[in-house]
Amino acid sequence: MQDDDGVQSCRFIAKRRSRLPEYLRQDNEPPAAIARNGWRYHHIGIPTQTPRPDEIHVPHLYIHVAGFQTSPFGVEWMRFDPDAPYPEAVKTIPHVAFEVDDLAHALVGQEILIPPNSPSAGVKVAMILDHGAPIELMEFSPRQESQGEPAL
């Protein structure tokens, strides 16, 4: 769909029975999180119960991760410790992570699954739910060098 200026944009329509707009997009359009909100894809986190040969244990996060630093597509395998204090949705359903410029602003109106926290220096994260799927939102401090630890 194009607006008056000929710029392709996402379409939103309001259902008569719903107060929230329903997002309808064309096959060739990016999701609203990217097109309208400016969120940037960071990684996909896939829970697993199978140890992977290259996994790294991050004890303070109660998780073993693999692939984060090496996957060209941002695939991160996550194996949680038995006592990991996360909601079941995070431990059992894959999540997509987006980098945002302002985490507090991005959380407005969202269903928060895990409130904002700082799992490592220079990064703030939170998890929201979208249609039952966990979504991770990440805000990085400017010019912060990563220590290679995953946010989640």
N, C-alpha and C. Protein backbone atom coordinates (compact mmCIF):
# COMPACT_ATOMS: atom_id res chain seq x y z
N MET A 1 0.83 -1.17 0.00
CA MET A 1 0.00 0.00 0.00
C MET A 1 0.88 1.24 0.00
N GLN A 2 0.49 2.27 -0.76
CA GLN A 2 1.27 3.49 -0.82
C GLN A 2 0.43 4.65 -0.31
N ASP A 3 1.10 5.59 0.39
CA ASP A 3 0.38 6.77 0.84
C ASP A 3 0.39 7.83 -0.25
N ASP A 4 -0.08 9.02 0.06
CA ASP A 4 -0.19 10.09 -0.94
C ASP A 4 1.14 10.48 -1.55
N ASP A 5 2.23 10.26 -0.83
CA ASP A 5 3.55 10.60 -1.33
C ASP A 5 4.18 9.46 -2.11
N GLY A 6 3.46 8.36 -2.31
CA GLY A 6 3.99 7.21 -3.02
C GLY A 6 4.89 6.35 -2.17
N VAL A 7 4.89 6.55 -0.86
CA VAL A 7 5.74 5.77 0.04
C VAL A 7 4.97 4.55 0.51
N GLN A 8 5.63 3.41 0.42
CA GLN A 8 4.98 2.18 0.87
C GLN A 8 4.85 2.20 2.38
N SER A 9 3.69 1.83 2.89
CA SER A 9 3.48 1.82 4.34
C SER A 9 2.59 0.66 4.73
N CYS A 10 2.64 0.31 5.99
CA CYS A 10 1.80 -0.75 6.53
C CYS A 10 0.38 -0.23 6.71
N ARG A 11 -0.59 -1.11 6.63
CA ARG A 11 -1.98 -0.72 6.80
C ARG A 11 -2.49 -1.18 8.15
N PHE A 12 -3.28 -0.34 8.77
CA PHE A 12 -3.93 -0.69 10.03
C PHE A 12 -5.42 -0.48 9.84
N ILE A 13 -6.22 -1.39 10.37
CA ILE A 13 -7.66 -1.20 10.37
C ILE A 13 -8.17 -1.46 11.78
N ALA A 14 -9.25 -0.83 12.12
CA ALA A 14 -9.84 -1.04 13.44
C ALA A 14 -11.04 -1.97 13.31
N LYS A 15 -11.07 -3.00 14.12
CA LYS A 15 -12.23 -3.88 14.17
C LYS A 15 -13.32 -3.18 14.96
N ARG A 16 -14.53 -3.39 14.56
CA ARG A 16 -15.65 -2.75 15.25
C ARG A 16 -15.78 -3.20 16.69
N ARG A 17 -15.44 -4.44 16.97
CA ARG A 17 -15.59 -4.98 18.33
C ARG A 17 -14.36 -4.79 19.19
N SER A 18 -13.31 -4.29 18.63
CA SER A 18 -12.05 -4.17 19.36
C SER A 18 -11.62 -2.71 19.45
N ARG A 19 -11.03 -2.35 20.58
CA ARG A 19 -10.49 -1.00 20.74
C ARG A 19 -9.10 -0.90 20.13
N LEU A 20 -8.42 -2.01 20.02
CA LEU A 20 -7.07 -2.00 19.48
C LEU A 20 -7.10 -2.23 17.98
N PRO A 21 -6.27 -1.52 17.23
CA PRO A 21 -6.23 -1.76 15.79
C PRO A 21 -5.63 -3.12 15.50
N GLU A 22 -6.11 -3.75 14.47
CA GLU A 22 -5.53 -5.01 14.03
C GLU A 22 -4.56 -4.70 12.92
N TYR A 23 -3.38 -5.24 13.01
CA TYR A 23 -2.33 -4.97 12.04
C TYR A 23 -2.52 -5.89 10.85
N LEU A 24 -2.73 -5.33 9.69
CA LEU A 24 -2.81 -6.10 8.46
C LEU A 24 -1.70 -5.62 7.55
N ARG A 25 -0.86 -6.54 7.13
CA ARG A 25 0.22 -6.12 6.25
C ARG A 25 0.25 -6.98 5.01
N GLN A 26 0.84 -6.46 3.99
CA GLN A 26 1.00 -7.18 2.74
C GLN A 26 2.20 -8.12 2.87
N ASP A 27 2.26 -9.11 2.00
CA ASP A 27 3.35 -10.08 2.04
C ASP A 27 4.73 -9.43 1.96
N ASN A 28 4.85 -8.35 1.23
CA ASN A 28 6.15 -7.73 1.01
C ASN A 28 6.49 -6.64 2.03
N GLU A 29 5.65 -6.44 3.03
CA GLU A 29 5.88 -5.39 4.02
C GLU A 29 6.50 -5.96 5.29
N PRO A 30 7.39 -5.19 5.92
CA PRO A 30 7.95 -5.64 7.21
C PRO A 30 6.90 -5.49 8.31
N PRO A 31 7.07 -6.18 9.42
CA PRO A 31 6.15 -6.02 10.55
C PRO A 31 6.17 -4.59 11.07
N ALA A 32 5.10 -4.19 11.72
CA ALA A 32 4.98 -2.83 12.26
C ALA A 32 6.10 -2.52 13.24
N ALA A 33 6.57 -3.50 14.00
CA ALA A 33 7.64 -3.25 14.96
C ALA A 33 8.87 -2.66 14.25
N ILE A 34 9.09 -3.08 13.03
CA ILE A 34 10.22 -2.58 12.25
C ILE A 34 9.81 -1.34 11.44
N ALA A 35 8.72 -1.45 10.69
CA ALA A 35 8.31 -0.38 9.78
C ALA A 35 7.86 0.88 10.50
N ARG A 36 7.10 0.72 11.56
CA ARG A 36 6.55 1.90 12.25
C ARG A 36 7.34 2.29 13.50
N ASN A 37 7.79 1.29 14.26
CA ASN A 37 8.44 1.58 15.54
C ASN A 37 9.95 1.73 15.43
N GLY A 38 10.53 1.29 14.32
CA GLY A 38 11.98 1.40 14.14
C GLY A 38 12.79 0.38 14.92
N TRP A 39 12.13 -0.68 15.41
CA TRP A 39 12.86 -1.72 16.12
C TRP A 39 13.76 -2.45 15.12
N ARG A 40 14.90 -2.96 15.60
CA ARG A 40 15.86 -3.64 14.75
C ARG A 40 16.05 -5.09 15.23
N TYR A 41 15.97 -6.03 14.28
CA TYR A 41 16.15 -7.45 14.63
C TYR A 41 17.52 -7.63 15.28
N HIS A 42 17.57 -8.42 16.36
CA HIS A 42 18.83 -8.71 17.04
C HIS A 42 19.15 -10.20 17.03
N HIS A 43 18.20 -11.03 17.46
CA HIS A 43 18.42 -12.47 17.44
C HIS A 43 17.10 -13.21 17.63
N ILE A 44 17.15 -14.51 17.41
CA ILE A 44 16.05 -15.39 17.79
C ILE A 44 16.61 -16.36 18.82
N GLY A 45 15.91 -16.49 19.93
CA GLY A 45 16.31 -17.40 21.01
C GLY A 45 15.45 -18.65 20.96
N ILE A 46 16.10 -19.80 20.88
CA ILE A 46 15.37 -21.07 20.77
C ILE A 46 15.69 -21.94 21.99
N PRO A 47 14.67 -22.16 22.83
CA PRO A 47 14.90 -23.03 23.99
C PRO A 47 15.15 -24.48 23.55
N THR A 48 16.02 -25.14 24.28
CA THR A 48 16.31 -26.54 24.02
C THR A 48 16.62 -27.23 25.35
N GLN A 49 16.44 -28.53 25.38
CA GLN A 49 16.85 -29.30 26.55
C GLN A 49 18.07 -30.15 26.24
N THR A 50 18.54 -30.03 25.01
CA THR A 50 19.69 -30.81 24.56
C THR A 50 20.96 -29.99 24.66
N PRO A 51 21.96 -30.48 25.42
CA PRO A 51 23.24 -29.75 25.48
C PRO A 51 23.87 -29.66 24.09
N ARG A 52 24.50 -28.54 23.80
CA ARG A 52 25.17 -28.34 22.53
C ARG A 52 26.67 -28.26 22.80
N PRO A 53 27.48 -28.77 21.88
CA PRO A 53 28.93 -28.84 22.14
C PRO A 53 29.60 -27.49 22.37
N ASP A 54 29.08 -26.43 21.77
CA ASP A 54 29.71 -25.12 21.90
C ASP A 54 29.02 -24.20 22.90
N GLU A 55 28.15 -24.76 23.75
CA GLU A 55 27.39 -23.91 24.66
C GLU A 55 28.27 -23.34 25.77
N ILE A 56 27.85 -22.16 26.24
CA ILE A 56 28.54 -21.46 27.32
C ILE A 56 27.54 -21.31 28.46
N HIS A 57 27.99 -21.65 29.67
CA HIS A 57 27.12 -21.50 30.83
C HIS A 57 27.28 -20.08 31.38
N VAL A 58 26.14 -19.42 31.59
CA VAL A 58 26.13 -18.08 32.18
C VAL A 58 25.40 -18.23 33.52
N PRO A 59 26.14 -18.55 34.59
CA PRO A 59 25.52 -18.93 35.87
C PRO A 59 24.57 -17.89 36.45
N HIS A 60 24.92 -16.61 36.39
CA HIS A 60 24.05 -15.61 37.01
C HIS A 60 22.73 -15.43 36.25
N LEU A 61 22.65 -15.97 35.03
CA LEU A 61 21.39 -15.95 34.27
C LEU A 61 20.72 -17.32 34.24
N TYR A 62 21.35 -18.31 34.88
CA TYR A 62 20.79 -19.67 34.95
C TYR A 62 20.52 -20.26 33.56
N ILE A 63 21.49 -20.09 32.67
CA ILE A 63 21.27 -20.49 31.28
C ILE A 63 22.58 -20.91 30.63
N HIS A 64 22.46 -21.84 29.67
CA HIS A 64 23.56 -22.24 28.80
C HIS A 64 23.16 -21.74 27.41
N VAL A 65 24.07 -21.07 26.72
CA VAL A 65 23.75 -20.54 25.39
C VAL A 65 24.76 -21.03 24.37
N ALA A 66 24.31 -21.12 23.14
CA ALA A 66 25.18 -21.52 22.03
C ALA A 66 24.72 -20.80 20.77
N GLY A 67 25.68 -20.48 19.94
CA GLY A 67 25.37 -19.91 18.63
C GLY A 67 25.29 -18.40 18.59
N PHE A 68 25.09 -17.76 19.73
CA PHE A 68 24.88 -16.31 19.75
C PHE A 68 26.01 -15.56 19.06
N GLN A 69 27.24 -15.90 19.38
CA GLN A 69 28.39 -15.17 18.85
C GLN A 69 28.79 -15.61 17.45
N THR A 70 28.30 -16.76 17.00
CA THR A 70 28.79 -17.29 15.72
C THR A 70 27.74 -17.39 14.62
N SER A 71 26.47 -17.37 14.94
CA SER A 71 25.43 -17.53 13.92
C SER A 71 25.31 -16.28 13.05
N PRO A 72 25.42 -16.42 11.73
CA PRO A 72 25.25 -15.25 10.86
C PRO A 72 23.80 -14.77 10.81
N PHE A 73 22.88 -15.55 11.35
CA PHE A 73 21.46 -15.20 11.33
C PHE A 73 20.94 -14.81 12.70
N GLY A 74 21.80 -14.81 13.70
CA GLY A 74 21.38 -14.43 15.04
C GLY A 74 20.63 -15.53 15.76
N VAL A 75 20.95 -16.79 15.48
CA VAL A 75 20.30 -17.91 16.17
C VAL A 75 21.03 -18.16 17.48
N GLU A 76 20.28 -18.16 18.57
CA GLU A 76 20.82 -18.41 19.90
C GLU A 76 20.06 -19.59 20.51
N TRP A 77 20.77 -20.67 20.80
CA TRP A 77 20.18 -21.80 21.50
C TRP A 77 20.29 -21.55 22.99
N MET A 78 19.22 -21.83 23.73
CA MET A 78 19.17 -21.55 25.16
C MET A 78 18.73 -22.81 25.91
N ARG A 79 19.58 -23.26 26.82
CA ARG A 79 19.22 -24.38 27.70
C ARG A 79 19.23 -23.85 29.12
N PHE A 80 18.08 -23.88 29.75
CA PHE A 80 17.91 -23.28 31.08
C PHE A 80 18.28 -24.25 32.18
N ASP A 81 18.89 -23.72 33.25
CA ASP A 81 19.16 -24.51 34.44
C ASP A 81 17.82 -24.90 35.06
N PRO A 82 17.76 -26.01 35.79
CA PRO A 82 16.50 -26.44 36.41
C PRO A 82 15.87 -25.39 37.32
N ASP A 83 16.70 -24.56 37.96
CA ASP A 83 16.17 -23.55 38.88
C ASP A 83 16.07 -22.16 38.24
N ALA A 84 16.09 -22.09 36.91
CA ALA A 84 15.99 -20.79 36.22
C ALA A 84 14.67 -20.11 36.56
N PRO A 85 14.73 -18.86 37.01
CA PRO A 85 13.54 -18.16 37.50
C PRO A 85 12.74 -17.43 36.42
N TYR A 86 12.56 -18.05 35.28
CA TYR A 86 11.86 -17.40 34.17
C TYR A 86 10.48 -18.00 33.96
N PRO A 87 9.57 -17.23 33.39
CA PRO A 87 8.24 -17.77 33.06
C PRO A 87 8.36 -18.94 32.06
N GLU A 88 7.41 -19.85 32.13
CA GLU A 88 7.42 -21.02 31.24
C GLU A 88 7.48 -20.62 29.77
N ALA A 89 6.79 -19.54 29.40
CA ALA A 89 6.80 -19.11 27.99
C ALA A 89 8.22 -18.82 27.52
N VAL A 90 9.04 -18.24 28.37
CA VAL A 90 10.42 -17.93 28.00
C VAL A 90 11.25 -19.21 27.89
N LYS A 91 10.98 -20.17 28.77
CA LYS A 91 11.76 -21.41 28.79
C LYS A 91 11.32 -22.43 27.75
N THR A 92 10.15 -22.22 27.13
CA THR A 92 9.63 -23.26 26.23
C THR A 92 9.27 -22.78 24.83
N ILE A 93 9.11 -21.47 24.63
CA ILE A 93 8.70 -20.94 23.32
C ILE A 93 9.81 -20.07 22.76
N PRO A 94 10.21 -20.27 21.51
CA PRO A 94 11.24 -19.39 20.93
C PRO A 94 10.80 -17.93 20.99
N HIS A 95 11.79 -17.05 21.12
CA HIS A 95 11.50 -15.62 21.13
C HIS A 95 12.33 -14.89 20.08
N VAL A 96 11.79 -13.78 19.60
CA VAL A 96 12.52 -12.89 18.72
C VAL A 96 12.94 -11.70 19.56
N ALA A 97 14.17 -11.24 19.37
CA ALA A 97 14.68 -10.09 20.11
C ALA A 97 14.89 -8.92 19.15
N PHE A 98 14.49 -7.74 19.62
CA PHE A 98 14.66 -6.51 18.86
C PHE A 98 15.46 -5.53 19.69
N GLU A 99 16.35 -4.79 19.02
CA GLU A 99 17.02 -3.67 19.66
C GLU A 99 16.13 -2.44 19.50
N VAL A 100 15.95 -1.70 20.58
CA VAL A 100 15.14 -0.49 20.57
C VAL A 100 15.98 0.67 21.09
N ASP A 101 15.61 1.88 20.70
CA ASP A 101 16.34 3.06 21.16
C ASP A 101 15.95 3.47 22.57
N ASP A 102 14.69 3.23 22.95
CA ASP A 102 14.18 3.66 24.25
C ASP A 102 13.28 2.55 24.80
N LEU A 103 13.83 1.74 25.69
CA LEU A 103 13.11 0.58 26.22
C LEU A 103 11.82 1.00 26.92
N ALA A 104 11.89 2.04 27.75
CA ALA A 104 10.69 2.48 28.48
C ALA A 104 9.58 2.86 27.51
N HIS A 105 9.92 3.57 26.46
CA HIS A 105 8.93 3.98 25.46
C HIS A 105 8.37 2.76 24.72
N ALA A 106 9.24 1.82 24.38
CA ALA A 106 8.81 0.62 23.65
C ALA A 106 7.85 -0.24 24.48
N LEU A 107 7.92 -0.15 25.80
CA LEU A 107 7.09 -0.97 26.67
C LEU A 107 5.69 -0.40 26.90
N VAL A 108 5.48 0.85 26.51
CA VAL A 108 4.17 1.48 26.73
C VAL A 108 3.09 0.70 25.98
N GLY A 109 2.06 0.29 26.71
CA GLY A 109 0.94 -0.43 26.13
C GLY A 109 1.17 -1.90 25.87
N GLN A 110 2.35 -2.41 26.23
CA GLN A 110 2.67 -3.82 26.00
C GLN A 110 2.32 -4.68 27.22
N GLU A 111 2.09 -5.96 26.98
CA GLU A 111 1.91 -6.91 28.07
C GLU A 111 3.29 -7.38 28.51
N ILE A 112 3.73 -6.94 29.68
CA ILE A 112 5.10 -7.21 30.13
C ILE A 112 5.17 -8.58 30.80
N LEU A 113 6.07 -9.39 30.29
CA LEU A 113 6.30 -10.74 30.82
C LEU A 113 7.44 -10.71 31.84
N ILE A 114 8.53 -10.05 31.51
CA ILE A 114 9.66 -9.85 32.43
C ILE A 114 9.96 -8.36 32.43
N PRO A 115 9.88 -7.71 33.59
CA PRO A 115 10.11 -6.27 33.64
C PRO A 115 11.54 -5.90 33.27
N PRO A 116 11.78 -4.63 32.97
CA PRO A 116 13.12 -4.20 32.59
C PRO A 116 14.16 -4.57 33.65
N ASN A 117 15.30 -5.02 33.15
CA ASN A 117 16.41 -5.39 34.02
C ASN A 117 17.70 -5.24 33.22
N SER A 118 18.83 -5.36 33.90
CA SER A 118 20.13 -5.24 33.24
C SER A 118 20.95 -6.50 33.51
N PRO A 119 20.89 -7.46 32.59
CA PRO A 119 21.60 -8.72 32.80
C PRO A 119 23.11 -8.60 32.66
N SER A 120 23.57 -7.55 31.98
CA SER A 120 25.01 -7.32 31.84
C SER A 120 25.23 -5.83 31.61
N ALA A 121 26.46 -5.40 31.80
CA ALA A 121 26.80 -3.98 31.68
C ALA A 121 26.43 -3.46 30.29
N GLY A 122 25.77 -2.30 30.28
CA GLY A 122 25.49 -1.64 29.01
C GLY A 122 24.25 -2.09 28.28
N VAL A 123 23.46 -2.97 28.89
CA VAL A 123 22.25 -3.43 28.21
C VAL A 123 21.09 -3.50 29.20
N LYS A 124 19.93 -3.04 28.75
CA LYS A 124 18.69 -3.19 29.51
C LYS A 124 17.76 -4.02 28.63
N VAL A 125 17.06 -4.97 29.27
CA VAL A 125 16.15 -5.84 28.52
C VAL A 125 14.82 -5.98 29.25
N ALA A 126 13.81 -6.37 28.50
CA ALA A 126 12.51 -6.74 29.05
C ALA A 126 11.90 -7.72 28.07
N MET A 127 10.95 -8.48 28.55
CA MET A 127 10.23 -9.42 27.68
C MET A 127 8.76 -9.04 27.70
N ILE A 128 8.15 -9.05 26.52
CA ILE A 128 6.72 -8.80 26.39
C ILE A 128 6.08 -10.02 25.74
N LEU A 129 4.76 -10.06 25.76
CA LEU A 129 4.03 -11.13 25.08
C LEU A 129 3.26 -10.53 23.91
N ASP A 130 3.30 -11.22 22.78
CA ASP A 130 2.50 -10.85 21.63
C ASP A 130 1.80 -12.11 21.14
N HIS A 131 0.50 -12.16 21.29
CA HIS A 131 -0.28 -13.34 20.90
C HIS A 131 0.29 -14.61 21.51
N GLY A 132 0.75 -14.53 22.77
CA GLY A 132 1.28 -15.69 23.48
C GLY A 132 2.75 -15.97 23.24
N ALA A 133 3.37 -15.21 22.35
CA ALA A 133 4.79 -15.43 22.03
C ALA A 133 5.65 -14.41 22.77
N PRO A 134 6.73 -14.86 23.40
CA PRO A 134 7.62 -13.91 24.06
C PRO A 134 8.44 -13.13 23.04
N ILE A 135 8.60 -11.83 23.31
CA ILE A 135 9.41 -10.94 22.48
C ILE A 135 10.37 -10.23 23.42
N GLU A 136 11.65 -10.25 23.10
CA GLU A 136 12.64 -9.57 23.93
C GLU A 136 12.95 -8.20 23.32
N LEU A 137 12.96 -7.19 24.15
CA LEU A 137 13.33 -5.84 23.74
C LEU A 137 14.62 -5.49 24.46
N MET A 138 15.57 -4.94 23.71
CA MET A 138 16.90 -4.67 24.23
C MET A 138 17.31 -3.23 23.93
N GLU A 139 17.81 -2.55 24.92
CA GLU A 139 18.37 -1.20 24.74
C GLU A 139 19.83 -1.23 25.15
N PHE A 140 20.70 -0.85 24.23
CA PHE A 140 22.14 -0.84 24.50
C PHE A 140 22.60 0.58 24.80
N SER A 141 23.52 0.71 25.75
CA SER A 141 24.13 2.01 26.01
C SER A 141 24.97 2.39 24.80
N PRO A 142 25.04 3.66 24.48
CA PRO A 142 25.85 4.08 23.32
C PRO A 142 27.31 3.66 23.47
N ARG A 143 27.85 3.14 22.40
CA ARG A 143 29.26 2.78 22.30
C ARG A 143 29.74 1.82 23.38
N GLN A 144 28.82 1.04 23.92
CA GLN A 144 29.19 0.07 24.96
C GLN A 144 29.77 -1.16 24.29
N GLU A 145 30.96 -1.55 24.68
CA GLU A 145 31.57 -2.76 24.17
C GLU A 145 30.94 -3.96 24.84
N SER A 146 30.49 -4.93 24.06
CA SER A 146 29.87 -6.13 24.61
C SER A 146 30.94 -7.06 25.15
N GLN A 147 30.64 -7.73 26.21
CA GLN A 147 31.53 -8.72 26.78
C GLN A 147 31.21 -10.10 26.23
N GLY A 148 30.29 -10.17 25.29
CA GLY A 148 29.96 -11.45 24.67
C GLY A 148 28.90 -12.24 25.41
N GLU A 149 28.41 -11.73 26.53
CA GLU A 149 27.37 -12.45 27.24
C GLU A 149 26.02 -12.11 26.65
N PRO A 150 25.17 -13.10 26.49
CA PRO A 150 23.85 -12.83 25.95
C PRO A 150 22.96 -12.13 26.98
N ALA A 151 22.00 -11.40 26.49
CA ALA A 151 21.06 -10.75 27.40
C ALA A 151 20.07 -11.79 27.93
N LEU A 152 19.57 -12.63 27.07
CA LEU A 152 18.70 -13.75 27.44
C LEU A 152 18.45 -14.57 26.23
